[in-house]
Amino acid sequence: MKNRIKELREEKKLTQKELAAEVGVSRQAINAVENGKFEPSIWLAYDLATFFEQSIEDIFCFEESERK
């Protein structure tokens, strides 16, 4: 699933490890989400959206993603 996590993280000048600590997951999980290798749970998507003060729809690009 395409998303804007990396873009938003870099705007805040955060490392993957720092973002992971903020939302309670591993750095590897953030890396996998950023690279579209892992689709986050609704709870992780919510936590990321809340952290970045964005809606889930503004972060995750459903229209551009292939449905599984």
Protein backbone atom coordinates (compact mmCIF):
# COMPACT_ATOMS: atom_id res chain seq x y z
CA MET A 1 0.00 0.00 0.00
CA LYS A 2 1.40 3.36 -0.97
CA ASN A 3 1.70 5.91 1.79
CA ARG A 4 3.31 9.19 2.86
CA ILE A 5 4.95 7.94 6.08
CA LYS A 6 8.52 8.56 4.92
CA GLU A 7 7.67 12.04 3.63
CA LEU A 8 5.91 13.01 6.87
CA ARG A 9 8.66 11.47 9.02
CA GLU A 10 11.37 13.36 7.14
CA GLU A 11 9.42 16.64 7.46
CA LYS A 12 9.62 16.18 11.24
CA LYS A 13 13.31 15.22 10.94
CA LEU A 14 12.73 11.88 12.65
CA THR A 15 14.55 8.62 12.12
CA GLN A 16 12.59 5.42 11.63
CA LYS A 17 13.67 4.39 15.12
CA GLU A 18 12.36 7.62 16.67
CA LEU A 19 9.01 7.32 14.88
CA ALA A 20 8.76 3.67 15.89
CA ALA A 21 9.26 4.63 19.54
CA GLU A 22 6.53 7.28 19.27
CA VAL A 23 3.93 4.80 18.00
CA GLY A 24 5.12 1.71 19.88
CA VAL A 25 6.44 -0.52 17.10
CA SER A 26 9.87 -1.63 15.87
CA ARG A 27 12.03 0.30 13.44
CA GLN A 28 11.68 -2.67 11.10
CA ALA A 29 7.89 -2.28 11.13
CA ILE A 30 8.16 1.39 10.15
CA ASN A 31 10.61 0.47 7.39
CA ALA A 32 8.27 -2.22 6.06
CA VAL A 33 5.27 0.13 6.08
CA GLU A 34 7.23 2.91 4.36
CA ASN A 35 8.33 0.51 1.63
CA GLY A 36 4.89 -1.00 1.09
CA LYS A 37 6.01 -4.43 2.27
CA PHE A 38 3.61 -4.46 5.22
CA GLU A 39 0.09 -3.11 5.56
CA PRO A 40 -0.38 -1.75 9.08
CA SER A 41 -3.21 -2.75 11.36
CA ILE A 42 -5.99 -0.22 11.70
CA TRP A 43 -4.59 0.61 15.16
CA LEU A 44 -1.11 1.37 13.83
CA ALA A 45 -2.60 3.39 10.98
CA TYR A 46 -4.63 5.34 13.57
CA ASP A 47 -1.58 5.90 15.78
CA LEU A 48 0.46 7.17 12.82
CA ALA A 49 -2.36 9.45 11.68
CA THR A 50 -2.76 10.82 15.19
CA PHE A 51 0.98 11.38 15.56
CA PHE A 52 1.20 13.25 12.24
CA GLU A 53 -2.10 15.08 12.85
CA GLN A 54 -3.47 13.78 9.53
CA SER A 55 -6.38 11.58 8.57
CA ILE A 56 -5.68 7.96 7.71
CA GLU A 57 -6.89 8.71 4.17
CA ASP A 58 -4.34 11.53 3.84
CA ILE A 59 -1.48 9.21 4.79
CA PHE A 60 -2.43 5.98 3.03
CA CYS A 61 -3.17 6.18 -0.70
CA PHE A 62 -5.91 3.61 -1.22
CA GLU A 63 -6.74 4.71 -4.78
CA GLU A 64 -3.16 4.21 -5.96
CA SER A 65 -2.75 0.83 -4.26
CA GLU A 66 -3.50 -2.57 -5.68
CA ARG A 67 -6.20 -4.29 -3.68
CA LYS A 68 -5.21 -7.68 -2.29
